[in-house]
Structures are given as C-alpha cells and as structure tokens.
Amino acid sequence: MSVDTLADGLQAAFSGRDPVAFAEVCALDVHYEDPLCPQPIESVGALGAHIEKLWAAFPDARMEAAGQRLHDERFAALPVKLLAHHRGELPELPPTGRFVVVHGVFYCELTEDSEKLWRIRAFFDLYDAAVQLGVLPKPGSAGERAMLLIRGFGLRR
C-alpha cells in the first residue's frame, strides 16, 4: 500500500466513527502514542477504543490533511488537522459547544513490507486545544498574566 493510501485511510478511520477501520491501515500490534495517552497503546483494538473517547466528546470530529506528506520506504510524517465541536463530556469538563481546529503531525513507522502503519506517534498542541476550549486563557491576556502571577512567575511585560 502507498503511504498516501495509508495516510488517507488513517484520516478516514479517525473521521469514520468505526473503531474497526483502524485495522485496515494499522498493524494488529500497532504502537500508538499521543499527548492524551497515559501510556503507549499496543494493539489496533486498543487504538480504536482510545479514539472512541474522542468521538464521544467530539461527535462531529473529522481529520483532514494539513500539508505535504513526507516519507520514504519506512517512515512518514503526516501533517493533519482535526476539526470538531466539543459536544460531549471530557473528564472534569462539561461540553462547551466550542469549535476547535487542532493541527498535528503523525510520525509513523511502517511495517517491514510497507503495507501497514506499525508505530504512530501523534504530536499536537494540547495547550492550544485547551485555550480553544476555554480551559486555559489566551496567551498575552489578562487571564494568562493572572494565572502566571498565581503560579509564582510574576508579571510579564
């Protein structure tokens, strides 16, 4: 399978609300990490279960390509953006109804035969996502200055 086909399949799996869809593009023993994983995920079934939490909180989540994909025979960097409304529960955060756009990059290692994604590490700005959801103040705002003051960092000019 080509890297573009795998990347399109991964985006479709994130957007499609079917946890089994990850098996089409990921190895059964896929290793997956993102900033919200307390520990690495090590199976395609566990990956589907992890992403079901995303769909519960963001039922209209869709993933799109966000730039040129870079790859060779074994590794790929896939820039993406996730677009969604926060309409479901998150731990300790009720639905805000806010629309978020979170840019990220998947750094992937392919299986030896280059037919599936074997290791996937997702990088995205968790702080920016929290700002968009209203959990943290916008950079440079009075709220950010107050938060920094409370945390003992003093005021910035």
N, C-alpha and C. Protein backbone atom coordinates (compact mmCIF):
# COMPACT_ATOMS: atom_id res chain seq x y z
N MET A 1 0.84 -1.18 0.00
CA MET A 1 0.00 0.00 0.00
C MET A 1 0.89 1.25 0.00
N SER A 2 0.52 2.28 -0.72
CA SER A 2 1.32 3.50 -0.74
C SER A 2 1.11 4.28 0.56
N VAL A 3 2.07 5.14 0.87
CA VAL A 3 1.96 5.96 2.07
C VAL A 3 0.74 6.86 1.99
N ASP A 4 0.45 7.41 0.81
CA ASP A 4 -0.72 8.26 0.67
C ASP A 4 -2.01 7.48 0.94
N THR A 5 -2.07 6.24 0.49
CA THR A 5 -3.24 5.40 0.75
C THR A 5 -3.37 5.12 2.24
N LEU A 6 -2.25 4.83 2.91
CA LEU A 6 -2.28 4.60 4.35
C LEU A 6 -2.70 5.86 5.10
N ALA A 7 -2.15 7.01 4.69
CA ALA A 7 -2.49 8.28 5.35
C ALA A 7 -3.97 8.61 5.15
N ASP A 8 -4.47 8.44 3.94
CA ASP A 8 -5.89 8.68 3.68
C ASP A 8 -6.76 7.74 4.51
N GLY A 9 -6.32 6.49 4.64
CA GLY A 9 -7.06 5.52 5.44
C GLY A 9 -7.05 5.86 6.92
N LEU A 10 -5.92 6.35 7.41
CA LEU A 10 -5.84 6.76 8.82
C LEU A 10 -6.77 7.94 9.07
N GLN A 11 -6.76 8.93 8.19
CA GLN A 11 -7.66 10.07 8.34
C GLN A 11 -9.12 9.62 8.27
N ALA A 12 -9.43 8.71 7.37
CA ALA A 12 -10.80 8.20 7.25
C ALA A 12 -11.20 7.44 8.50
N ALA A 13 -10.28 6.68 9.09
CA ALA A 13 -10.58 5.95 10.32
C ALA A 13 -10.88 6.92 11.46
N PHE A 14 -10.10 7.99 11.58
CA PHE A 14 -10.36 8.99 12.62
C PHE A 14 -11.70 9.69 12.40
N SER A 15 -12.09 9.86 11.15
CA SER A 15 -13.31 10.60 10.83
C SER A 15 -14.54 9.70 10.75
N GLY A 16 -14.37 8.39 10.65
CA GLY A 16 -15.46 7.50 10.28
C GLY A 16 -16.30 6.88 11.37
N ARG A 17 -15.96 7.06 12.62
CA ARG A 17 -16.74 6.53 13.75
C ARG A 17 -16.82 5.00 13.79
N ASP A 18 -15.86 4.33 13.19
CA ASP A 18 -15.82 2.86 13.23
C ASP A 18 -14.46 2.43 13.75
N PRO A 19 -14.38 2.00 15.02
CA PRO A 19 -13.08 1.64 15.59
C PRO A 19 -12.39 0.49 14.86
N VAL A 20 -13.13 -0.33 14.16
CA VAL A 20 -12.55 -1.45 13.43
C VAL A 20 -11.81 -0.97 12.18
N ALA A 21 -12.11 0.24 11.70
CA ALA A 21 -11.49 0.76 10.48
C ALA A 21 -9.98 0.92 10.62
N PHE A 22 -9.48 1.06 11.84
CA PHE A 22 -8.03 1.21 12.01
C PHE A 22 -7.28 -0.06 11.58
N ALA A 23 -7.95 -1.21 11.62
CA ALA A 23 -7.31 -2.46 11.23
C ALA A 23 -6.97 -2.48 9.73
N GLU A 24 -7.63 -1.65 8.95
CA GLU A 24 -7.36 -1.62 7.51
C GLU A 24 -6.00 -1.00 7.20
N VAL A 25 -5.54 -0.09 8.06
CA VAL A 25 -4.28 0.62 7.78
C VAL A 25 -3.21 0.42 8.84
N CYS A 26 -3.57 -0.17 9.98
CA CYS A 26 -2.62 -0.35 11.08
C CYS A 26 -2.34 -1.84 11.31
N ALA A 27 -1.11 -2.13 11.68
CA ALA A 27 -0.74 -3.50 12.06
C ALA A 27 -1.53 -3.90 13.30
N LEU A 28 -1.78 -5.18 13.46
CA LEU A 28 -2.53 -5.64 14.64
C LEU A 28 -1.84 -5.25 15.94
N ASP A 29 -0.50 -5.22 15.92
CA ASP A 29 0.26 -4.85 17.13
C ASP A 29 0.77 -3.40 17.03
N VAL A 30 -0.06 -2.51 16.45
CA VAL A 30 0.32 -1.11 16.29
C VAL A 30 0.72 -0.53 17.65
N HIS A 31 1.72 0.33 17.63
CA HIS A 31 2.15 1.07 18.83
C HIS A 31 1.75 2.52 18.58
N TYR A 32 0.89 3.07 19.44
CA TYR A 32 0.36 4.41 19.23
C TYR A 32 0.56 5.24 20.49
N GLU A 33 0.97 6.51 20.29
CA GLU A 33 1.10 7.45 21.40
C GLU A 33 0.58 8.81 20.95
N ASP A 34 -0.05 9.53 21.87
CA ASP A 34 -0.38 10.94 21.67
C ASP A 34 -0.34 11.62 23.03
N PRO A 35 -0.45 12.96 23.08
CA PRO A 35 -0.34 13.65 24.37
C PRO A 35 -1.41 13.28 25.39
N LEU A 36 -2.47 12.63 24.97
CA LEU A 36 -3.54 12.25 25.89
C LEU A 36 -3.46 10.79 26.35
N CYS A 37 -2.48 10.05 25.87
CA CYS A 37 -2.30 8.66 26.27
C CYS A 37 -1.46 8.59 27.55
N PRO A 38 -2.00 8.01 28.61
CA PRO A 38 -1.18 7.87 29.81
C PRO A 38 -0.01 6.90 29.60
N GLN A 39 -0.18 5.97 28.68
CA GLN A 39 0.89 5.04 28.31
C GLN A 39 0.67 4.63 26.86
N PRO A 40 1.69 4.13 26.19
CA PRO A 40 1.52 3.74 24.78
C PRO A 40 0.43 2.67 24.60
N ILE A 41 -0.26 2.77 23.50
CA ILE A 41 -1.28 1.79 23.12
C ILE A 41 -0.59 0.77 22.23
N GLU A 42 -0.89 -0.52 22.44
CA GLU A 42 -0.14 -1.55 21.72
C GLU A 42 -1.00 -2.58 21.00
N SER A 43 -2.15 -2.15 20.53
CA SER A 43 -2.95 -3.03 19.66
C SER A 43 -3.94 -2.19 18.89
N VAL A 44 -4.37 -2.71 17.76
CA VAL A 44 -5.32 -1.97 16.93
C VAL A 44 -6.67 -1.84 17.64
N GLY A 45 -7.05 -2.84 18.42
CA GLY A 45 -8.30 -2.76 19.18
C GLY A 45 -8.26 -1.68 20.24
N ALA A 46 -7.13 -1.59 20.94
CA ALA A 46 -6.98 -0.56 21.97
C ALA A 46 -6.94 0.83 21.34
N LEU A 47 -6.37 0.95 20.14
CA LEU A 47 -6.36 2.23 19.44
C LEU A 47 -7.79 2.65 19.11
N GLY A 48 -8.58 1.74 18.59
CA GLY A 48 -9.99 2.04 18.30
C GLY A 48 -10.74 2.48 19.54
N ALA A 49 -10.50 1.80 20.67
CA ALA A 49 -11.16 2.16 21.93
C ALA A 49 -10.72 3.55 22.40
N HIS A 50 -9.45 3.88 22.22
CA HIS A 50 -8.94 5.20 22.59
C HIS A 50 -9.62 6.29 21.76
N ILE A 51 -9.76 6.07 20.48
CA ILE A 51 -10.35 7.08 19.60
C ILE A 51 -11.86 7.19 19.82
N GLU A 52 -12.48 6.15 20.32
CA GLU A 52 -13.91 6.24 20.65
C GLU A 52 -14.15 7.31 21.71
N LYS A 53 -13.19 7.54 22.60
CA LYS A 53 -13.30 8.62 23.60
C LYS A 53 -13.32 9.98 22.90
N LEU A 54 -12.52 10.13 21.86
CA LEU A 54 -12.54 11.37 21.07
C LEU A 54 -13.92 11.57 20.47
N TRP A 55 -14.47 10.53 19.86
CA TRP A 55 -15.78 10.64 19.21
C TRP A 55 -16.89 10.93 20.21
N ALA A 56 -16.76 10.43 21.44
CA ALA A 56 -17.78 10.70 22.46
C ALA A 56 -17.79 12.19 22.82
N ALA A 57 -16.61 12.79 22.91
CA ALA A 57 -16.52 14.21 23.28
C ALA A 57 -16.71 15.14 22.08
N PHE A 58 -16.31 14.67 20.91
CA PHE A 58 -16.37 15.46 19.68
C PHE A 58 -17.07 14.63 18.60
N PRO A 59 -18.39 14.50 18.67
CA PRO A 59 -19.09 13.58 17.77
C PRO A 59 -18.98 13.91 16.28
N ASP A 60 -18.66 15.15 15.95
CA ASP A 60 -18.54 15.50 14.54
C ASP A 60 -17.08 15.62 14.09
N ALA A 61 -16.17 15.06 14.87
CA ALA A 61 -14.73 15.19 14.57
C ALA A 61 -14.41 14.64 13.18
N ARG A 62 -13.61 15.42 12.47
CA ARG A 62 -13.11 14.96 11.18
C ARG A 62 -11.65 15.37 11.06
N MET A 63 -10.89 14.53 10.40
CA MET A 63 -9.47 14.78 10.23
C MET A 63 -9.19 15.02 8.75
N GLU A 64 -8.36 16.03 8.50
CA GLU A 64 -8.00 16.38 7.12
C GLU A 64 -6.49 16.53 7.02
N ALA A 65 -5.98 16.36 5.82
CA ALA A 65 -4.57 16.64 5.57
C ALA A 65 -4.33 18.13 5.75
N ALA A 66 -3.15 18.47 6.26
CA ALA A 66 -2.84 19.88 6.53
C ALA A 66 -1.53 20.31 5.88
N GLY A 67 -1.01 19.52 4.99
CA GLY A 67 0.25 19.87 4.35
C GLY A 67 0.81 18.68 3.59
N GLN A 68 1.99 18.89 3.05
CA GLN A 68 2.64 17.85 2.27
C GLN A 68 3.10 16.71 3.17
N ARG A 69 2.82 15.52 2.75
CA ARG A 69 3.27 14.32 3.47
C ARG A 69 4.71 14.02 3.07
N LEU A 70 5.55 13.76 4.06
CA LEU A 70 6.94 13.44 3.80
C LEU A 70 7.18 11.98 4.16
N HIS A 71 7.83 11.24 3.28
CA HIS A 71 8.01 9.81 3.56
C HIS A 71 9.13 9.21 2.73
N ASP A 72 9.59 8.06 3.21
CA ASP A 72 10.48 7.20 2.44
C ASP A 72 9.90 5.80 2.53
N GLU A 73 10.70 4.79 2.32
CA GLU A 73 10.17 3.42 2.31
C GLU A 73 9.71 2.95 3.69
N ARG A 74 10.21 3.57 4.77
CA ARG A 74 9.94 3.04 6.10
C ARG A 74 9.26 4.02 7.05
N PHE A 75 9.42 5.35 6.83
CA PHE A 75 8.90 6.34 7.77
C PHE A 75 8.07 7.39 7.03
N ALA A 76 7.12 7.99 7.76
CA ALA A 76 6.29 9.02 7.16
C ALA A 76 5.92 10.06 8.22
N ALA A 77 5.88 11.31 7.79
CA ALA A 77 5.39 12.41 8.62
C ALA A 77 4.13 12.93 7.93
N LEU A 78 3.03 12.88 8.64
CA LEU A 78 1.73 13.20 8.06
C LEU A 78 1.11 14.39 8.78
N PRO A 79 1.18 15.61 8.23
CA PRO A 79 0.53 16.75 8.88
C PRO A 79 -0.98 16.70 8.70
N VAL A 80 -1.70 16.93 9.78
CA VAL A 80 -3.16 16.83 9.78
C VAL A 80 -3.75 17.97 10.60
N LYS A 81 -5.06 18.12 10.46
CA LYS A 81 -5.80 18.98 11.39
C LYS A 81 -7.10 18.27 11.73
N LEU A 82 -7.47 18.40 12.98
CA LEU A 82 -8.72 17.83 13.49
C LEU A 82 -9.68 18.98 13.70
N LEU A 83 -10.87 18.86 13.14
CA LEU A 83 -11.89 19.89 13.26
C LEU A 83 -13.10 19.28 13.95
N ALA A 84 -13.64 19.96 14.98
CA ALA A 84 -14.74 19.36 15.72
C ALA A 84 -15.39 20.36 16.66
N HIS A 85 -16.63 20.07 17.04
CA HIS A 85 -17.33 20.78 18.10
C HIS A 85 -17.27 19.94 19.37
N HIS A 86 -17.03 20.58 20.49
CA HIS A 86 -16.99 19.87 21.78
C HIS A 86 -18.42 19.77 22.30
N ARG A 87 -19.04 18.61 22.09
CA ARG A 87 -20.44 18.41 22.45
C ARG A 87 -20.64 17.30 23.48
N GLY A 88 -19.58 16.61 23.86
CA GLY A 88 -19.70 15.52 24.82
C GLY A 88 -18.79 15.74 26.01
N GLU A 89 -18.96 14.91 27.01
CA GLU A 89 -18.19 15.02 28.25
C GLU A 89 -16.71 14.69 28.04
N LEU A 90 -15.87 15.45 28.69
CA LEU A 90 -14.47 15.13 28.88
C LEU A 90 -14.25 15.00 30.37
N PRO A 91 -13.22 14.31 30.83
CA PRO A 91 -13.00 14.23 32.28
C PRO A 91 -12.95 15.63 32.89
N GLU A 92 -13.87 15.88 33.79
CA GLU A 92 -13.95 17.14 34.54
C GLU A 92 -14.21 18.36 33.66
N LEU A 93 -14.76 18.16 32.46
CA LEU A 93 -15.09 19.29 31.60
C LEU A 93 -16.40 19.00 30.86
N PRO A 94 -17.46 19.72 31.23
CA PRO A 94 -18.72 19.52 30.51
C PRO A 94 -18.61 20.06 29.09
N PRO A 95 -19.52 19.68 28.21
CA PRO A 95 -19.48 20.17 26.83
C PRO A 95 -19.49 21.70 26.77
N THR A 96 -18.61 22.26 25.98
CA THR A 96 -18.54 23.71 25.82
C THR A 96 -19.26 24.18 24.57
N GLY A 97 -19.48 23.27 23.62
CA GLY A 97 -20.08 23.65 22.35
C GLY A 97 -19.12 24.39 21.43
N ARG A 98 -17.90 24.58 21.87
CA ARG A 98 -16.92 25.33 21.07
C ARG A 98 -16.39 24.49 19.92
N PHE A 99 -16.08 25.20 18.84
CA PHE A 99 -15.47 24.58 17.67
C PHE A 99 -13.96 24.70 17.81
N VAL A 100 -13.23 23.61 17.59
CA VAL A 100 -11.78 23.62 17.69
C VAL A 100 -11.16 23.13 16.38
N VAL A 101 -9.98 23.67 16.11
CA VAL A 101 -9.15 23.21 15.00
C VAL A 101 -7.78 22.94 15.61
N VAL A 102 -7.40 21.69 15.65
CA VAL A 102 -6.14 21.29 16.27
C VAL A 102 -5.23 20.72 15.19
N HIS A 103 -4.11 21.41 14.96
CA HIS A 103 -3.13 20.93 13.99
C HIS A 103 -2.20 19.95 14.67
N GLY A 104 -1.75 18.96 13.90
CA GLY A 104 -0.85 17.96 14.45
C GLY A 104 -0.05 17.27 13.35
N VAL A 105 0.84 16.41 13.79
CA VAL A 105 1.65 15.61 12.88
C VAL A 105 1.69 14.19 13.42
N PHE A 106 1.44 13.23 12.55
CA PHE A 106 1.66 11.83 12.87
C PHE A 106 3.03 11.46 12.34
N TYR A 107 3.89 10.96 13.21
CA TYR A 107 5.18 10.42 12.76
C TYR A 107 5.02 8.91 12.81
N CYS A 108 5.13 8.27 11.67
CA CYS A 108 4.79 6.85 11.55
C CYS A 108 5.97 6.03 11.05
N GLU A 109 6.03 4.81 11.57
CA GLU A 109 6.93 3.80 11.02
C GLU A 109 6.06 2.72 10.41
N LEU A 110 6.40 2.32 9.21
CA LEU A 110 5.63 1.30 8.51
C LEU A 110 6.15 -0.09 8.85
N THR A 111 5.33 -1.09 8.61
CA THR A 111 5.77 -2.47 8.77
C THR A 111 6.88 -2.75 7.77
N GLU A 112 7.58 -3.85 7.95
CA GLU A 112 8.70 -4.18 7.06
C GLU A 112 8.29 -4.27 5.59
N ASP A 113 7.07 -4.74 5.34
CA ASP A 113 6.60 -4.84 3.95
C ASP A 113 5.95 -3.55 3.46
N SER A 114 5.92 -2.51 4.30
CA SER A 114 5.35 -1.19 3.99
C SER A 114 3.86 -1.24 3.67
N GLU A 115 3.17 -2.26 4.19
CA GLU A 115 1.75 -2.42 3.91
C GLU A 115 0.84 -1.82 4.98
N LYS A 116 1.38 -1.58 6.18
CA LYS A 116 0.56 -1.06 7.28
C LYS A 116 1.40 -0.10 8.12
N LEU A 117 0.70 0.68 8.94
CA LEU A 117 1.36 1.54 9.91
C LEU A 117 1.64 0.71 11.16
N TRP A 118 2.88 0.72 11.62
CA TRP A 118 3.26 -0.10 12.76
C TRP A 118 3.43 0.73 14.03
N ARG A 119 4.15 1.85 13.93
CA ARG A 119 4.30 2.75 15.07
C ARG A 119 3.78 4.12 14.64
N ILE A 120 2.93 4.70 15.49
CA ILE A 120 2.37 6.01 15.21
C ILE A 120 2.54 6.87 16.45
N ARG A 121 3.15 8.00 16.26
CA ARG A 121 3.28 8.95 17.36
C ARG A 121 2.65 10.26 16.91
N ALA A 122 1.60 10.68 17.61
CA ALA A 122 0.88 11.90 17.27
C ALA A 122 1.40 13.06 18.10
N PHE A 123 1.70 14.16 17.44
CA PHE A 123 2.13 15.38 18.10
C PHE A 123 1.09 16.46 17.82
N PHE A 124 0.55 17.07 18.86
CA PHE A 124 -0.33 18.22 18.70
C PHE A 124 -0.22 19.10 19.93
N ASP A 125 -0.65 20.34 19.77
CA ASP A 125 -0.52 21.35 20.81
C ASP A 125 -1.69 21.26 21.78
N LEU A 126 -1.50 20.55 22.86
CA LEU A 126 -2.54 20.38 23.86
C LEU A 126 -2.90 21.70 24.52
N TYR A 127 -1.91 22.59 24.69
CA TYR A 127 -2.19 23.90 25.29
C TYR A 127 -3.14 24.71 24.39
N ASP A 128 -2.86 24.74 23.09
CA ASP A 128 -3.73 25.48 22.17
C ASP A 128 -5.14 24.89 22.17
N ALA A 129 -5.25 23.58 22.23
CA ALA A 129 -6.57 22.95 22.28
C ALA A 129 -7.31 23.38 23.54
N ALA A 130 -6.61 23.45 24.68
CA ALA A 130 -7.23 23.88 25.93
C ALA A 130 -7.65 25.35 25.86
N VAL A 131 -6.87 26.19 25.19
CA VAL A 131 -7.24 27.59 25.00
C VAL A 131 -8.51 27.68 24.15
N GLN A 132 -8.57 26.91 23.06
CA GLN A 132 -9.75 26.93 22.20
C GLN A 132 -11.00 26.46 22.93
N LEU A 133 -10.84 25.53 23.87
CA LEU A 133 -11.98 25.04 24.65
C LEU A 133 -12.34 25.97 25.80
N GLY A 134 -11.51 26.98 26.05
CA GLY A 134 -11.78 27.91 27.14
C GLY A 134 -11.29 27.44 28.49
N VAL A 135 -10.50 26.38 28.52
CA VAL A 135 -9.97 25.84 29.77
C VAL A 135 -8.80 26.68 30.27
N LEU A 136 -7.98 27.15 29.35
CA LEU A 136 -6.82 27.99 29.69
C LEU A 136 -6.97 29.34 28.99
N PRO A 137 -6.38 30.40 29.58
CA PRO A 137 -6.50 31.72 28.98
C PRO A 137 -5.64 31.87 27.73
N LYS A 138 -6.04 32.79 26.86
CA LYS A 138 -5.28 33.06 25.65
C LYS A 138 -3.93 33.68 26.01
N PRO A 139 -2.87 33.32 25.27
CA PRO A 139 -1.56 33.92 25.52
C PRO A 139 -1.62 35.44 25.42
N GLY A 140 -0.99 36.11 26.37
CA GLY A 140 -0.95 37.56 26.38
C GLY A 140 -2.15 38.23 27.02
N SER A 141 -3.13 37.45 27.42
CA SER A 141 -4.34 38.03 28.01
C SER A 141 -4.14 38.32 29.50
N ALA A 142 -5.07 39.11 30.05
CA ALA A 142 -5.05 39.38 31.49
C ALA A 142 -5.19 38.07 32.27
N GLY A 143 -5.98 37.16 31.75
CA GLY A 143 -6.15 35.86 32.41
C GLY A 143 -4.85 35.09 32.49
N GLU A 144 -4.06 35.13 31.42
CA GLU A 144 -2.77 34.43 31.44
C GLU A 144 -1.84 35.09 32.46
N ARG A 145 -1.83 36.42 32.48
CA ARG A 145 -0.97 37.12 33.45
C ARG A 145 -1.38 36.77 34.88
N ALA A 146 -2.68 36.72 35.13
CA ALA A 146 -3.15 36.37 36.48
C ALA A 146 -2.75 34.94 36.83
N MET A 147 -2.88 34.02 35.88
CA MET A 147 -2.51 32.63 36.12
C MET A 147 -1.01 32.53 36.44
N LEU A 148 -0.19 33.23 35.67
CA LEU A 148 1.25 33.20 35.91
C LEU A 148 1.59 33.81 37.27
N LEU A 149 0.90 34.88 37.65
CA LEU A 149 1.14 35.52 38.93
C LEU A 149 0.81 34.55 40.07
N ILE A 150 -0.32 33.88 39.95
CA ILE A 150 -0.73 32.91 40.98
C ILE A 150 0.27 31.77 41.08
N ARG A 151 0.82 31.36 39.94
CA ARG A 151 1.78 30.26 39.93
C ARG A 151 3.17 30.71 40.39
N GLY A 152 3.34 32.00 40.63
CA GLY A 152 4.63 32.48 41.16
C GLY A 152 5.61 32.93 40.12
N PHE A 153 5.16 33.17 38.88
CA PHE A 153 6.07 33.60 37.83
C PHE A 153 6.16 35.10 37.68
N GLY A 154 5.34 35.87 38.43
CA GLY A 154 5.34 37.32 38.29
C GLY A 154 4.66 37.75 37.00
N LEU A 155 4.67 39.03 36.76
CA LEU A 155 4.04 39.58 35.57
C LEU A 155 5.06 39.73 34.45
N ARG A 156 4.61 39.48 33.22
CA ARG A 156 5.44 39.73 32.05
C ARG A 156 5.07 41.06 31.44
N ARG A 157 6.02 41.72 30.82
CA ARG A 157 5.72 42.98 30.13
C ARG A 157 5.27 42.71 28.73
